[in-house]
Protein backbone atom coordinates (compact mmCIF):
# COMPACT_ATOMS: atom_id res chain seq x y z
CA MET A 1 89.54 107.20 135.73
CA ASP A 2 87.70 108.45 132.68
CA LYS A 3 86.76 105.91 129.95
CA LYS A 4 88.23 108.08 127.33
CA ILE A 5 92.00 108.00 129.10
CA ILE A 6 91.95 104.79 129.67
CA ILE A 7 91.20 103.87 125.69
CA GLY A 8 93.67 107.03 124.62
CA ILE A 9 96.28 104.79 126.96
CA ILE A 10 95.38 101.16 125.16
CA ALA A 11 95.72 102.64 121.79
CA LEU A 12 99.09 104.33 122.78
CA ILE A 13 100.24 100.97 124.05
CA PHE A 14 98.64 99.36 120.70
CA LEU A 15 100.80 101.85 118.29
CA GLY A 16 103.83 101.79 120.58
CA THR A 17 104.23 98.09 120.04
CA ILE A 18 103.28 98.41 116.43
CA ALA A 19 106.18 100.94 115.78
CA MET A 20 108.66 99.02 118.01
CA ALA A 21 107.86 96.04 115.96
CA THR A 22 108.47 97.35 112.80
CA ARG A 23 111.63 99.20 113.79
CA ASN A 24 114.69 97.38 112.33
CA ASN A 25 117.47 98.97 114.69
CA ASN A 26 117.28 102.52 113.48
CA GLN A 27 118.60 100.67 110.25
CA PRO A 28 117.18 101.43 106.87
CA ALA A 29 114.91 98.43 106.20
CA ASN A 30 114.77 96.86 102.98
CA THR A 31 110.99 95.92 102.36
CA ASN A 32 109.80 93.65 99.38
CA ALA A 33 106.68 93.66 97.40
CA THR A 34 104.57 91.71 100.07
CA GLY A 35 105.94 94.29 102.92
CA GLU A 36 108.09 92.17 104.73
CA THR A 37 111.36 93.75 105.74
CA ALA A 38 114.59 91.77 105.68
CA ASN A 39 117.69 91.65 107.25
CA LYS A 40 121.27 92.06 106.06
CA THR A 41 121.66 88.02 106.23
CA GLN A 42 118.88 87.72 103.87
CA THR A 43 119.60 86.48 100.23
CA GLN A 44 117.64 86.82 97.18
CA GLY A 45 115.57 83.62 95.68
CA VAL A 46 114.86 81.83 98.64
CA LYS A 47 113.16 79.11 96.98
CA ASN A 48 111.51 75.69 97.73
CA SER A 49 113.68 72.80 99.70
CA ALA A 50 114.84 74.49 103.12
CA ASP A 51 117.03 72.56 104.86
CA LYS A 52 115.21 73.82 107.85
CA ILE A 53 112.81 76.91 109.09
CA GLU A 54 113.18 78.54 111.75
CA VAL A 55 109.60 80.55 112.83
CA TYR A 56 109.79 82.79 116.08
CA TYR A 57 107.17 84.72 117.88
CA PHE A 58 109.27 87.46 119.39
CA HIS A 59 107.34 89.41 122.49
CA ARG A 60 107.95 91.76 125.64
CA THR A 61 106.74 90.24 129.07
CA GLN A 62 104.09 92.98 129.19
CA ARG A 63 101.60 92.22 125.86
CA CYS A 64 98.73 93.87 124.70
CA TYR A 65 95.79 92.09 122.98
CA SER A 66 96.55 92.08 119.82
CA CYS A 67 100.18 91.00 120.75
CA LEU A 68 98.67 88.10 122.64
CA ALA A 69 96.28 87.36 119.70
CA LEU A 70 99.48 86.99 117.27
CA GLY A 71 101.05 84.70 119.30
CA GLN A 72 98.29 82.34 119.72
CA TYR A 73 97.33 82.49 116.08
CA ILE A 74 101.13 81.97 114.90
CA LYS A 75 101.45 78.81 117.80
CA GLU A 76 97.95 77.52 116.27
CA THR A 77 99.00 77.32 113.31
CA ILE A 78 102.38 76.22 113.27
CA GLU A 79 101.48 73.38 115.93
CA GLN A 80 98.23 71.95 113.84
CA GLU A 81 99.63 72.61 110.40
CA PHE A 82 103.02 71.67 111.03
CA PHE A 83 103.30 68.62 113.58
CA GLU A 84 105.00 66.21 111.55
CA GLU A 85 107.83 69.13 110.93
CA ILE A 86 108.47 70.03 114.13
CA GLU A 87 108.75 66.85 115.06
CA SER A 88 111.42 65.80 112.61
CA GLY A 89 113.16 68.65 113.61
CA ARG A 90 112.47 71.01 109.93
CA ILE A 91 110.57 73.22 111.70
CA ASP A 92 111.99 75.15 115.25
CA PHE A 93 109.14 77.00 116.07
CA ARG A 94 109.53 79.09 119.36
CA GLU A 95 108.05 81.91 121.30
CA ILE A 96 111.02 84.32 122.83
CA ASN A 97 110.37 86.93 125.41
CA VAL A 98 113.06 89.83 124.55
CA ASP A 99 113.03 90.84 127.69
CA LEU A 100 114.69 88.37 129.47
CA PRO A 101 118.37 88.23 129.73
CA GLU A 102 118.65 84.48 128.24
CA ASN A 103 117.13 85.66 125.12
CA LYS A 104 119.02 88.65 124.26
CA ASP A 105 121.34 86.89 121.71
CA VAL A 106 118.55 85.02 119.80
CA ALA A 107 116.88 88.78 119.42
CA LYS A 108 120.14 90.76 118.69
CA LYS A 109 120.94 88.08 115.54
CA PHE A 110 117.10 88.53 114.29
CA GLN A 111 117.00 91.85 115.32
CA ALA A 112 113.91 91.66 117.24
CA SER A 113 112.51 94.34 120.01
CA GLY A 114 109.58 93.52 120.52
CA SER A 115 106.39 91.54 119.18
CA SER A 116 106.97 90.48 115.77
CA LEU A 117 107.04 87.26 113.72
CA PHE A 118 110.29 86.33 112.04
CA ILE A 119 110.55 83.10 109.56
CA ASN A 120 114.89 82.29 108.96
CA VAL A 121 114.71 79.70 105.91
CA ILE A 122 117.83 78.11 106.23
CA LYS A 123 118.92 76.89 102.86
CA ASN A 124 122.84 75.10 102.49
CA GLY A 125 123.66 76.36 105.67
CA GLN A 126 122.88 80.34 104.97
CA ASP A 127 120.27 81.80 107.10
CA ASN A 128 117.61 83.95 105.18
CA ILE A 129 116.02 86.14 107.93
CA SER A 130 112.75 88.02 107.11
CA GLN A 131 110.27 89.63 109.15
CA ASP A 132 106.73 89.25 108.40
CA THR A 133 104.82 92.17 109.29
CA ASN A 134 101.72 91.38 106.77
CA VAL A 135 100.25 89.10 109.87
CA TRP A 136 99.70 92.50 111.62
CA ARG A 137 96.48 92.87 108.83
CA LEU A 138 95.64 89.69 109.57
CA LEU A 139 94.46 90.08 113.03
CA SER A 140 90.90 90.77 112.82
CA ASN A 141 90.44 87.19 110.32
CA LYS A 142 91.48 84.26 112.11
CA VAL A 143 91.08 82.33 109.30
CA GLN A 144 93.00 84.58 106.65
CA PHE A 145 95.72 84.46 109.36
CA LYS A 146 96.15 80.92 109.53
CA ASN A 147 96.03 80.55 105.64
CA TYR A 148 98.40 82.97 105.09
CA LEU A 149 100.64 81.60 107.41
CA GLU A 150 100.55 78.26 106.32
CA ASN A 151 100.65 78.86 102.87
CA LYS A 152 103.91 81.22 103.33
CA ILE A 153 105.84 78.10 105.40
CA ASN A 154 104.52 75.94 102.59
CA LEU A 155 106.78 77.75 99.98
CA PHE A 156 109.72 77.03 101.86
CA LEU A 157 109.17 73.46 102.19
């Protein structure tokens, strides 16, 4: 195959993945000032002292380079910076393949359909689910990415 065709196919796959990650099941998105999309279970004014934080990286079986990098950066950040919180159960980190039948219910709850990061801050038994789309903009700089995600999660602890 011609190199231009291969590059075009890769670009289409990448753009399609980003479009799916930002789609919210054809419902109008509520976007806050930081570019995060929140679903209808999110409440305003989530502050410190979460009872539990769920950090879920959703993905499909087949992933592009950017999707693989996103998953790797999230996993490294969570496991390295929040080891104690994971061990205590205060943070629940999962990588979830939305293509697997056993993950359909959790994907539906979070309205995830492709490669995306969702953070659910549980406080007083209430889910406060938000999709973080800012992480895509930080993929080119691993240090900035990890600092951003660590700082974001620390806001809720």
